[in-house]
Amino acid sequence: MTKVFYTKEITADSLIKIYEALGIKLPGKVGVKVSTGEDGSKGYLKADLIGPLVKKLNGTIIECNTAYPGARNTKEDHLKVAKKHGFTSFSNVDIMDGEGEFKIPVKKGKHLKYDLVGNNFANYDSILNLAHGKGHAMGGFGANLKNQSIGIASRNGKAYIHSCGQDENPDTAWDAKYEQIEFIESMAEAASAVSDYLNENNKPIAYITVMNYLSVDCDCDAHQSEPVMEDIGIIASLDPVANDQAFIDFIFNSKEPGAKKLQERIDSRQGREILPYAESLGLGSTKYELINLDEAE
């Protein structure tokens, strides 16, 4: 059964500890995929938390431009936000679609024929998918699967996923008509395409989700609302489906009053449906063993 490691402590040291618990070596040029956070958001992962792990891996922060208008839809503006949010203080930041994009196939898709990812994604030998777990206005929640689908997609690729395979143009894709479940499934298909690409090119990937600043809104929201729950901790796995399932289980098993707000956000967007669909694509397993590193000491 897939192992998902957990620690309640959210510190730079515990982030390194949970990465090491995975027992994986990320070789060569390491891309660390995080959300740099829209200008004005508050929940993005902070430099003092993730900087030591990124430096330990000699990693590069990797991102792609947004499909929506804002402060991160061009390389130049995006780099300014990344600097403002502290990412350039400990790492180079690569806006991967700044010099174009390339297609990778979606092998089992009902909605997408391909995924469009930033050109520079090909330059990395291994990937750390370092996600912030939180709610999301369109997807219900965002963690590793979203970070791997929407997150690694180029600006046009994001438009293609958001339109469920109908339109690559960020100016018109928002007009596409689709059912909500089709969008949820499209995200899973894009994440699966990235996983297949990495596997075929012998590029390992590891998954970590930091469960703090638990807002119903994503870090992509410039007006991100305040957290509705206390911080939960950090989870890590070699399986993105298992890691996202563990995040969801923490939210839905919580007895905190505010958890209901996050649960409602997730289910009102059919967010949990991404998990069995991603499993059906062969991306991972919804069944896992939770290993509490705090109890192992």
C-alpha atoms as a PDB file:
ATOM      1  CA  MET A   1       0.000   0.000   0.000  1.00  0.00           C
ATOM      2  CA  THR A   2       1.170   3.526  -0.779  1.00  0.00           C
ATOM      3  CA  LYS A   3       2.890   5.284   2.105  1.00  0.00           C
ATOM      4  CA  VAL A   4       1.940   8.831   3.023  1.00  0.00           C
ATOM      5  CA  PHE A   5       4.163  10.417   5.656  1.00  0.00           C
ATOM      6  CA  TYR A   6       2.812  13.031   8.064  1.00  0.00           C
ATOM      7  CA  THR A   7       4.130  15.500  10.597  1.00  0.00           C
ATOM      8  CA  LYS A   8       2.115  18.081  12.467  1.00  0.00           C
ATOM      9  CA  GLU A   9       5.110  20.390  12.760  1.00  0.00           C
ATOM     10  CA  ILE A  10       5.356  22.995   9.986  1.00  0.00           C
ATOM     11  CA  THR A  11       8.950  24.215  10.049  1.00  0.00           C
ATOM     12  CA  ALA A  12      11.868  24.280   7.631  1.00  0.00           C
ATOM     13  CA  ASP A  13      13.457  21.383   9.552  1.00  0.00           C
ATOM     14  CA  SER A  14      10.300  19.253   9.477  1.00  0.00           C
ATOM     15  CA  LEU A  15       9.952  19.883   5.747  1.00  0.00           C
ATOM     16  CA  ILE A  16      13.460  18.509   5.204  1.00  0.00           C
ATOM     17  CA  LYS A  17      12.714  15.604   7.562  1.00  0.00           C
ATOM     18  CA  ILE A  18       9.557  14.554   5.723  1.00  0.00           C
ATOM     19  CA  TYR A  19      11.314  14.800   2.358  1.00  0.00           C
ATOM     20  CA  GLU A  20      14.086  12.545   3.648  1.00  0.00           C
ATOM     21  CA  ALA A  21      11.487  10.060   4.944  1.00  0.00           C
ATOM     22  CA  LEU A  22      10.449   9.429   1.331  1.00  0.00           C
ATOM     23  CA  GLY A  23      13.814   7.775   0.688  1.00  0.00           C
ATOM     24  CA  ILE A  24      14.067   9.189  -2.824  1.00  0.00           C
ATOM     25  CA  LYS A  25      17.009  10.907  -4.466  1.00  0.00           C
ATOM     26  CA  LEU A  26      16.111  13.705  -6.854  1.00  0.00           C
ATOM     27  CA  PRO A  27      19.122  13.777  -9.187  1.00  0.00           C
ATOM     28  CA  GLY A  28      20.573  16.345 -11.547  1.00  0.00           C
ATOM     29  CA  LYS A  29      18.799  19.624 -12.139  1.00  0.00           C
ATOM     30  CA  VAL A  30      15.870  19.696  -9.699  1.00  0.00           C
ATOM     31  CA  GLY A  31      12.746  21.734 -10.456  1.00  0.00           C
ATOM     32  CA  VAL A  32      10.687  22.638  -7.394  1.00  0.00           C
ATOM     33  CA  LYS A  33       7.120  23.402  -8.490  1.00  0.00           C
ATOM     34  CA  VAL A  34       5.398  25.817  -6.155  1.00  0.00           C
ATOM     35  CA  SER A  35       2.727  28.448  -6.602  1.00  0.00           C
ATOM     36  CA  THR A  36       4.347  31.858  -6.363  1.00  0.00           C
ATOM     37  CA  GLY A  37       0.970  33.290  -5.290  1.00  0.00           C
ATOM     38  CA  GLU A  38      -0.950  36.111  -6.924  1.00  0.00           C
ATOM     39  CA  ASP A  39       0.057  39.621  -5.858  1.00  0.00           C
ATOM     40  CA  GLY A  40      -2.127  40.292  -2.815  1.00  0.00           C
ATOM     41  CA  SER A  41      -2.572  36.662  -1.732  1.00  0.00           C
ATOM     42  CA  LYS A  42      -1.322  35.543   1.679  1.00  0.00           C
ATOM     43  CA  GLY A  43      -1.271  31.749   1.754  1.00  0.00           C
ATOM     44  CA  TYR A  44       1.592  30.962  -0.643  1.00  0.00           C
ATOM     45  CA  LEU A  45       4.478  28.953   0.861  1.00  0.00           C
ATOM     46  CA  LYS A  46       6.943  31.333   2.466  1.00  0.00           C
ATOM     47  CA  ALA A  47      10.673  31.612   1.817  1.00  0.00           C
ATOM     48  CA  ASP A  48      11.742  30.855   5.382  1.00  0.00           C
ATOM     49  CA  LEU A  49       9.748  27.605   5.319  1.00  0.00           C
ATOM     50  CA  ILE A  50      10.749  26.146   1.953  1.00  0.00           C
ATOM     51  CA  GLY A  51      14.081  27.888   1.285  1.00  0.00           C
ATOM     52  CA  PRO A  52      16.290  25.469   3.260  1.00  0.00           C
ATOM     53  CA  LEU A  53      14.868  22.379   1.498  1.00  0.00           C
ATOM     54  CA  VAL A  54      15.137  23.996  -1.944  1.00  0.00           C
ATOM     55  CA  LYS A  55      18.758  24.947  -1.230  1.00  0.00           C
ATOM     56  CA  LYS A  56      19.508  21.438   0.078  1.00  0.00           C
ATOM     57  CA  LEU A  57      18.284  20.052  -3.254  1.00  0.00           C
ATOM     58  CA  ASN A  58      20.117  22.794  -5.162  1.00  0.00           C
ATOM     59  CA  GLY A  59      16.693  23.282  -6.726  1.00  0.00           C
ATOM     60  CA  THR A  60      15.182  25.900  -8.992  1.00  0.00           C
ATOM     61  CA  ILE A  61      11.706  27.286  -8.352  1.00  0.00           C
ATOM     62  CA  ILE A  62       9.618  26.530 -11.451  1.00  0.00           C
ATOM     63  CA  GLU A  63       6.317  28.126 -12.425  1.00  0.00           C
ATOM     64  CA  CYS A  64       4.234  29.071 -15.474  1.00  0.00           C
ATOM     65  CA  ASN A  65       2.233  32.170 -16.294  1.00  0.00           C
ATOM     66  CA  THR A  66      -1.457  32.484 -15.456  1.00  0.00           C
ATOM     67  CA  ALA A  67      -4.216  32.297 -18.042  1.00  0.00           C
ATOM     68  CA  TYR A  68      -6.276  34.954 -16.289  1.00  0.00           C
ATOM     69  CA  PRO A  69      -5.372  38.673 -16.325  1.00  0.00           C
ATOM     70  CA  GLY A  70      -3.339  39.652 -13.296  1.00  0.00           C
ATOM     71  CA  ALA A  71       0.172  40.275 -12.038  1.00  0.00           C
ATOM     72  CA  ARG A  72       1.585  36.923 -13.222  1.00  0.00           C
ATOM     73  CA  ASN A  73       0.456  36.502 -16.838  1.00  0.00           C
ATOM     74  CA  THR A  74       3.759  37.632 -18.384  1.00  0.00           C
ATOM     75  CA  LYS A  75       7.263  36.455 -17.519  1.00  0.00           C
ATOM     76  CA  GLU A  76       8.444  39.945 -16.576  1.00  0.00           C
ATOM     77  CA  ASP A  77       5.538  40.683 -14.237  1.00  0.00           C
ATOM     78  CA  HIS A  78       5.563  37.165 -12.809  1.00  0.00           C
ATOM     79  CA  LEU A  79       9.228  37.472 -11.838  1.00  0.00           C
ATOM     80  CA  LYS A  80       8.453  40.735 -10.033  1.00  0.00           C
ATOM     81  CA  VAL A  81       5.805  38.984  -7.918  1.00  0.00           C
ATOM     82  CA  ALA A  82       8.160  36.048  -7.274  1.00  0.00           C
ATOM     83  CA  LYS A  83      10.764  38.514  -6.014  1.00  0.00           C
ATOM     84  CA  LYS A  84       8.198  40.384  -3.886  1.00  0.00           C
ATOM     85  CA  HIS A  85       7.116  37.083  -2.313  1.00  0.00           C
ATOM     86  CA  GLY A  86      10.704  36.155  -1.445  1.00  0.00           C
ATOM     87  CA  PHE A  87      11.365  33.274  -3.827  1.00  0.00           C
ATOM     88  CA  THR A  88      14.364  34.895  -5.508  1.00  0.00           C
ATOM     89  CA  SER A  89      16.036  35.302  -2.106  1.00  0.00           C
ATOM     90  CA  PHE A  90      16.976  31.590  -2.001  1.00  0.00           C
ATOM     91  CA  SER A  91      16.635  30.243  -5.547  1.00  0.00           C
ATOM     92  CA  ASN A  92      16.603  31.016  -9.216  1.00  0.00           C
ATOM     93  CA  VAL A  93      13.036  31.297 -10.498  1.00  0.00           C
ATOM     94  CA  ASP A  94      12.208  29.846 -13.909  1.00  0.00           C
ATOM     95  CA  ILE A  95       8.940  30.941 -15.534  1.00  0.00           C
ATOM     96  CA  MET A  96       8.950  27.897 -17.781  1.00  0.00           C
ATOM     97  CA  ASP A  97       6.644  29.162 -20.525  1.00  0.00           C
ATOM     98  CA  GLY A  98       8.521  32.455 -20.858  1.00  0.00           C
ATOM     99  CA  GLU A  99      10.158  31.031 -23.987  1.00  0.00           C
ATOM    100  CA  GLY A 100       7.238  28.998 -25.301  1.00  0.00           C
ATOM    101  CA  GLU A 101       5.625  25.623 -24.719  1.00  0.00           C
ATOM    102  CA  PHE A 102       5.489  22.063 -25.991  1.00  0.00           C
ATOM    103  CA  LYS A 103       2.848  19.343 -26.182  1.00  0.00           C
ATOM    104  CA  ILE A 104       2.847  16.095 -24.251  1.00  0.00           C
ATOM    105  CA  PRO A 105       0.220  13.450 -24.988  1.00  0.00           C
ATOM    106  CA  VAL A 106      -2.791  12.686 -22.812  1.00  0.00           C
ATOM    107  CA  LYS A 107      -3.123   8.935 -23.233  1.00  0.00           C
ATOM    108  CA  LYS A 108      -6.429   8.141 -21.534  1.00  0.00           C
ATOM    109  CA  GLY A 109      -8.277  11.426 -21.774  1.00  0.00           C
ATOM    110  CA  LYS A 110     -11.988  11.905 -22.347  1.00  0.00           C
ATOM    111  CA  HIS A 111     -11.545  15.669 -22.664  1.00  0.00           C
ATOM    112  CA  LEU A 112      -7.923  16.554 -23.431  1.00  0.00           C
ATOM    113  CA  LYS A 113      -5.937  15.288 -26.416  1.00  0.00           C
ATOM    114  CA  TYR A 114      -2.675  16.696 -25.068  1.00  0.00           C
ATOM    115  CA  ASP A 115      -1.200  18.920 -22.373  1.00  0.00           C
ATOM    116  CA  LEU A 116       0.722  22.105 -23.088  1.00  0.00           C
ATOM    117  CA  VAL A 117       3.598  22.659 -20.671  1.00  0.00           C
ATOM    118  CA  GLY A 118       6.241  25.355 -20.376  1.00  0.00           C
ATOM    119  CA  ASN A 119       9.219  24.840 -22.704  1.00  0.00           C
ATOM    120  CA  ASN A 120      11.759  24.836 -19.882  1.00  0.00           C
ATOM    121  CA  PHE A 121      10.074  21.909 -18.127  1.00  0.00           C
ATOM    122  CA  ALA A 122      12.181  19.670 -20.375  1.00  0.00           C
ATOM    123  CA  ASN A 123      15.372  21.053 -18.794  1.00  0.00           C
ATOM    124  CA  TYR A 124      14.852  19.367 -15.409  1.00  0.00           C
ATOM    125  CA  ASP A 125      16.095  15.919 -14.434  1.00  0.00           C
ATOM    126  CA  SER A 126      13.768  15.523 -11.444  1.00  0.00           C
ATOM    127  CA  ILE A 127      10.844  17.349  -9.849  1.00  0.00           C
ATOM    128  CA  LEU A 128       9.609  18.148  -6.369  1.00  0.00           C
ATOM    129  CA  ASN A 129       5.892  18.936  -6.482  1.00  0.00           C
ATOM    130  CA  LEU A 130       5.701  21.176  -3.411  1.00  0.00           C
ATOM    131  CA  ALA A 131       2.076  22.194  -2.974  1.00  0.00           C
ATOM    132  CA  HIS A 132       0.102  24.345  -0.580  1.00  0.00           C
ATOM    133  CA  GLY A 133      -3.121  22.560   0.377  1.00  0.00           C
ATOM    134  CA  LYS A 134      -6.120  24.918   0.417  1.00  0.00           C
ATOM    135  CA  GLY A 135      -9.521  25.504  -1.134  1.00  0.00           C
ATOM    136  CA  HIS A 136     -10.072  26.715  -4.683  1.00  0.00           C
ATOM    137  CA  ALA A 137     -12.878  28.738  -6.246  1.00  0.00           C
ATOM    138  CA  MET A 138     -13.059  26.598  -9.399  1.00  0.00           C
ATOM    139  CA  GLY A 139     -11.599  23.217  -8.456  1.00  0.00           C
ATOM    140  CA  GLY A 140     -12.852  22.997  -4.867  1.00  0.00           C
ATOM    141  CA  PHE A 141      -9.375  22.385  -3.539  1.00  0.00           C
ATOM    142  CA  GLY A 142      -5.797  22.589  -4.710  1.00  0.00           C
ATOM    143  CA  ALA A 143      -2.861  20.392  -3.707  1.00  0.00           C
ATOM    144  CA  ASN A 144      -0.479  18.113  -5.652  1.00  0.00           C
ATOM    145  CA  LEU A 145      -2.794  17.196  -8.554  1.00  0.00           C
ATOM    146  CA  LYS A 146      -3.669  20.804  -9.274  1.00  0.00           C
ATOM    147  CA  ASN A 147      -0.029  21.859  -8.861  1.00  0.00           C
ATOM    148  CA  GLN A 148       0.914  19.253 -11.486  1.00  0.00           C
ATOM    149  CA  SER A 149      -1.871  20.020 -13.968  1.00  0.00           C
ATOM    150  CA  ILE A 150      -2.794  23.709 -13.995  1.00  0.00           C
ATOM    151  CA  GLY A 151       0.519  24.536 -12.318  1.00  0.00           C
ATOM    152  CA  ILE A 152       2.888  23.021 -14.886  1.00  0.00           C
ATOM    153  CA  ALA A 153       0.711  23.923 -17.877  1.00  0.00           C
ATOM    154  CA  SER A 154       1.756  26.942 -19.909  1.00  0.00           C
ATOM    155  CA  ARG A 155      -0.521  29.971 -20.113  1.00  0.00           C
ATOM    156  CA  ASN A 156      -2.194  28.492 -23.205  1.00  0.00           C
ATOM    157  CA  GLY A 157      -2.173  25.067 -21.570  1.00  0.00           C
ATOM    158  CA  LYS A 158      -4.063  26.432 -18.591  1.00  0.00           C
ATOM    159  CA  ALA A 159      -6.666  27.840 -20.974  1.00  0.00           C
ATOM    160  CA  TYR A 160      -6.906  24.443 -22.685  1.00  0.00           C
ATOM    161  CA  ILE A 161      -7.486  22.643 -19.355  1.00  0.00           C
ATOM    162  CA  HIS A 162      -9.967  25.258 -18.117  1.00  0.00           C
ATOM    163  CA  SER A 163     -11.972  24.910 -21.330  1.00  0.00           C
ATOM    164  CA  CYS A 164     -11.850  21.098 -21.090  1.00  0.00           C
ATOM    165  CA  GLY A 165      -9.927  20.785 -24.341  1.00  0.00           C
ATOM    166  CA  GLN A 166     -11.929  23.282 -26.386  1.00  0.00           C
ATOM    167  CA  ASP A 167      -9.735  26.379 -26.591  1.00  0.00           C
ATOM    168  CA  GLU A 168      -6.050  27.259 -26.070  1.00  0.00           C
ATOM    169  CA  ASN A 169      -6.607  31.014 -26.211  1.00  0.00           C
ATOM    170  CA  PRO A 170      -6.538  32.634 -22.739  1.00  0.00           C
ATOM    171  CA  ASP A 171      -8.679  35.507 -24.052  1.00  0.00           C
ATOM    172  CA  THR A 172     -11.579  33.302 -25.174  1.00  0.00           C
ATOM    173  CA  ALA A 173     -11.251  29.988 -23.295  1.00  0.00           C
ATOM    174  CA  TRP A 174     -13.330  31.293 -20.390  1.00  0.00           C
ATOM    175  CA  ASP A 175     -16.362  31.414 -22.710  1.00  0.00           C
ATOM    176  CA  ALA A 176     -16.293  27.654 -23.288  1.00  0.00           C
ATOM    177  CA  LYS A 177     -19.335  25.713 -22.088  1.00  0.00           C
ATOM    178  CA  TYR A 178     -18.776  22.560 -20.052  1.00  0.00           C
ATOM    179  CA  GLU A 179     -20.004  20.641 -17.030  1.00  0.00           C
ATOM    180  CA  GLN A 180     -18.088  21.093 -13.784  1.00  0.00           C
ATOM    181  CA  ILE A 181     -17.120  17.421 -13.615  1.00  0.00           C
ATOM    182  CA  GLU A 182     -15.471  17.762 -17.037  1.00  0.00           C
ATOM    183  CA  PHE A 183     -13.154  20.456 -15.670  1.00  0.00           C
ATOM    184  CA  ILE A 184     -12.279  18.333 -12.638  1.00  0.00           C
ATOM    185  CA  GLU A 185     -11.499  15.374 -14.907  1.00  0.00           C
ATOM    186  CA  SER A 186      -9.486  17.581 -17.285  1.00  0.00           C
ATOM    187  CA  MET A 187      -7.191  18.560 -14.419  1.00  0.00           C
ATOM    188  CA  ALA A 188      -6.591  14.881 -13.633  1.00  0.00           C
ATOM    189  CA  GLU A 189      -5.843  14.147 -17.292  1.00  0.00           C
ATOM    190  CA  ALA A 190      -3.248  16.921 -17.475  1.00  0.00           C
ATOM    191  CA  ALA A 191      -1.614  15.734 -14.230  1.00  0.00           C
ATOM    192  CA  SER A 192      -1.523  12.202 -15.635  1.00  0.00           C
ATOM    193  CA  ALA A 193       0.148  13.417 -18.834  1.00  0.00           C
ATOM    194  CA  VAL A 194       2.912  15.071 -16.787  1.00  0.00           C
ATOM    195  CA  SER A 195       3.418  11.885 -14.778  1.00  0.00           C
ATOM    196  CA  ASP A 196       3.630   9.789 -17.958  1.00  0.00           C
ATOM    197  CA  TYR A 197       6.137  12.220 -19.495  1.00  0.00           C
ATOM    198  CA  LEU A 198       8.369  12.082 -16.419  1.00  0.00           C
ATOM    199  CA  ASN A 199       8.181   8.274 -16.184  1.00  0.00           C
ATOM    200  CA  GLU A 200       9.032   7.806 -19.860  1.00  0.00           C
ATOM    201  CA  ASN A 201      12.059  10.062 -19.523  1.00  0.00           C
ATOM    202  CA  ASN A 202      13.254   8.481 -16.258  1.00  0.00           C
ATOM    203  CA  LYS A 203      12.758  11.691 -14.321  1.00  0.00           C
ATOM    204  CA  PRO A 204      11.699  11.003 -10.717  1.00  0.00           C
ATOM    205  CA  ILE A 205       9.150  13.123  -8.875  1.00  0.00           C
ATOM    206  CA  ALA A 206       8.217  13.447  -5.200  1.00  0.00           C
ATOM    207  CA  TYR A 207       5.120  15.040  -3.660  1.00  0.00           C
ATOM    208  CA  ILE A 208       4.781  17.219  -0.570  1.00  0.00           C
ATOM    209  CA  THR A 209       1.738  19.217   0.569  1.00  0.00           C
ATOM    210  CA  VAL A 210       1.912  21.827   3.315  1.00  0.00           C
ATOM    211  CA  MET A 211      -1.473  22.072   5.025  1.00  0.00           C
ATOM    212  CA  ASN A 212      -1.420  25.582   6.477  1.00  0.00           C
ATOM    213  CA  TYR A 213      -3.335  28.839   5.889  1.00  0.00           C
ATOM    214  CA  LEU A 214      -6.406  26.750   5.107  1.00  0.00           C
ATOM    215  CA  SER A 215      -8.515  29.270   3.239  1.00  0.00           C
ATOM    216  CA  VAL A 216     -11.431  28.352   0.984  1.00  0.00           C
ATOM    217  CA  ASP A 217      -9.589  30.356  -1.684  1.00  0.00           C
ATOM    218  CA  CYS A 218      -6.467  29.559  -3.679  1.00  0.00           C
ATOM    219  CA  ASP A 219      -3.164  31.437  -3.562  1.00  0.00           C
ATOM    220  CA  CYS A 220      -4.041  32.486  -7.123  1.00  0.00           C
ATOM    221  CA  ASP A 221      -6.722  34.788  -5.643  1.00  0.00           C
ATOM    222  CA  ALA A 222      -5.449  38.332  -5.038  1.00  0.00           C
ATOM    223  CA  HIS A 223      -8.233  38.731  -2.448  1.00  0.00           C
ATOM    224  CA  GLN A 224      -7.710  35.371  -0.745  1.00  0.00           C
ATOM    225  CA  SER A 225      -9.909  35.030   2.334  1.00  0.00           C
ATOM    226  CA  GLU A 226      -8.636  34.253   5.823  1.00  0.00           C
ATOM    227  CA  PRO A 227      -8.088  30.644   6.991  1.00  0.00           C
ATOM    228  CA  VAL A 228     -11.147  28.737   8.237  1.00  0.00           C
ATOM    229  CA  MET A 229      -9.179  26.012  10.042  1.00  0.00           C
ATOM    230  CA  GLU A 230      -6.079  25.614  12.184  1.00  0.00           C
ATOM    231  CA  ASP A 231      -2.906  24.420  10.443  1.00  0.00           C
ATOM    232  CA  ILE A 232      -2.817  20.617  10.047  1.00  0.00           C
ATOM    233  CA  GLY A 233       0.795  19.799   9.157  1.00  0.00           C
ATOM    234  CA  ILE A 234       2.761  18.400   6.210  1.00  0.00           C
ATOM    235  CA  ILE A 235       2.203  15.233   4.160  1.00  0.00           C
ATOM    236  CA  ALA A 236       4.546  13.611   1.643  1.00  0.00           C
ATOM    237  CA  SER A 237       4.343  10.669  -0.741  1.00  0.00           C
ATOM    238  CA  LEU A 238       5.606   9.310  -4.036  1.00  0.00           C
ATOM    239  CA  ASP A 239       1.957   9.113  -5.165  1.00  0.00           C
ATOM    240  CA  PRO A 240       0.028  12.330  -5.917  1.00  0.00           C
ATOM    241  CA  VAL A 241      -3.395  10.692  -5.658  1.00  0.00           C
ATOM    242  CA  ALA A 242      -2.634   9.213  -2.239  1.00  0.00           C
ATOM    243  CA  ASN A 243      -1.212  12.521  -1.016  1.00  0.00           C
ATOM    244  CA  ASP A 244      -4.267  14.481  -2.199  1.00  0.00           C
ATOM    245  CA  GLN A 245      -6.566  11.820  -0.724  1.00  0.00           C
ATOM    246  CA  ALA A 246      -4.796  12.180   2.629  1.00  0.00           C
ATOM    247  CA  PHE A 247      -5.252  15.962   2.480  1.00  0.00           C
ATOM    248  CA  ILE A 248      -8.972  15.524   1.764  1.00  0.00           C
ATOM    249  CA  ASP A 249      -9.292  12.989   4.589  1.00  0.00           C
ATOM    250  CA  PHE A 250      -7.743  15.420   7.052  1.00  0.00           C
ATOM    251  CA  ILE A 251     -10.274  18.063   5.999  1.00  0.00           C
ATOM    252  CA  PHE A 252     -13.325  15.804   6.066  1.00  0.00           C
ATOM    253  CA  ASN A 253     -12.378  14.032   9.302  1.00  0.00           C
ATOM    254  CA  SER A 254     -11.850  17.332  11.115  1.00  0.00           C
ATOM    255  CA  LYS A 255     -14.177  18.264  13.957  1.00  0.00           C
ATOM    256  CA  GLU A 256     -13.267  21.934  13.699  1.00  0.00           C
ATOM    257  CA  PRO A 257     -16.335  24.143  13.068  1.00  0.00           C
ATOM    258  CA  GLY A 258     -14.561  25.944  10.224  1.00  0.00           C
ATOM    259  CA  ALA A 259     -13.861  22.683   8.423  1.00  0.00           C
ATOM    260  CA  LYS A 260     -17.464  22.710   7.198  1.00  0.00           C
ATOM    261  CA  LYS A 261     -16.725  25.826   5.128  1.00  0.00           C
ATOM    262  CA  LEU A 262     -13.834  24.140   3.389  1.00  0.00           C
ATOM    263  CA  GLN A 263     -15.816  20.911   2.958  1.00  0.00           C
ATOM    264  CA  GLU A 264     -18.669  22.874   1.379  1.00  0.00           C
ATOM    265  CA  ARG A 265     -16.279  24.663  -0.976  1.00  0.00           C
ATOM    266  CA  ILE A 266     -14.774  21.351  -2.067  1.00  0.00           C
ATOM    267  CA  ASP A 267     -18.045  19.477  -2.569  1.00  0.00           C
ATOM    268  CA  SER A 268     -19.888  22.394  -4.188  1.00  0.00           C
ATOM    269  CA  ARG A 269     -17.242  22.180  -6.958  1.00  0.00           C
ATOM    270  CA  GLN A 270     -17.227  18.351  -7.067  1.00  0.00           C
ATOM    271  CA  GLY A 271     -13.589  18.608  -6.024  1.00  0.00           C
ATOM    272  CA  ARG A 272     -13.275  15.131  -4.512  1.00  0.00           C
ATOM    273  CA  GLU A 273     -14.183  13.548  -7.855  1.00  0.00           C
ATOM    274  CA  ILE A 274     -10.656  14.215  -9.124  1.00  0.00           C
ATOM    275  CA  LEU A 275      -9.348  11.432  -6.887  1.00  0.00           C
ATOM    276  CA  PRO A 276     -11.167   8.322  -8.200  1.00  0.00           C
ATOM    277  CA  TYR A 277     -10.846   9.636 -11.754  1.00  0.00           C
ATOM    278  CA  ALA A 278      -7.087  10.155 -11.392  1.00  0.00           C
ATOM    279  CA  GLU A 279      -6.877   6.645  -9.937  1.00  0.00           C
ATOM    280  CA  SER A 280      -8.762   5.277 -12.975  1.00  0.00           C
ATOM    281  CA  LEU A 281      -6.138   6.900 -15.216  1.00  0.00           C
ATOM    282  CA  GLY A 282      -3.389   5.008 -13.393  1.00  0.00           C
ATOM    283  CA  LEU A 283      -1.963   8.124 -11.762  1.00  0.00           C
ATOM    284  CA  GLY A 284      -1.982   6.667  -8.253  1.00  0.00           C
ATOM    285  CA  SER A 285      -4.078   5.106  -5.512  1.00  0.00           C
ATOM    286  CA  THR A 286      -6.729   6.493  -3.195  1.00  0.00           C
ATOM    287  CA  LYS A 287      -5.725   3.826  -0.655  1.00  0.00           C
ATOM    288  CA  TYR A 288      -2.730   4.593   1.522  1.00  0.00           C
ATOM    289  CA  GLU A 289      -1.006   3.959   4.838  1.00  0.00           C
ATOM    290  CA  LEU A 290      -0.487   7.101   6.918  1.00  0.00           C
ATOM    291  CA  ILE A 291       2.840   7.074   8.740  1.00  0.00           C
ATOM    292  CA  ASN A 292       3.006   9.657  11.523  1.00  0.00           C
ATOM    293  CA  LEU A 293       6.644  10.709  11.858  1.00  0.00           C
ATOM    294  CA  ASP A 294       5.896  12.435  15.181  1.00  0.00           C
ATOM    295  CA  GLU A 295       4.915   9.081  16.738  1.00  0.00           C
ATOM    296  CA  ALA A 296       7.927   7.301  15.274  1.00  0.00           C
ATOM    297  CA  GLU A 297      10.325   9.339  17.397  1.00  0.00           C
END
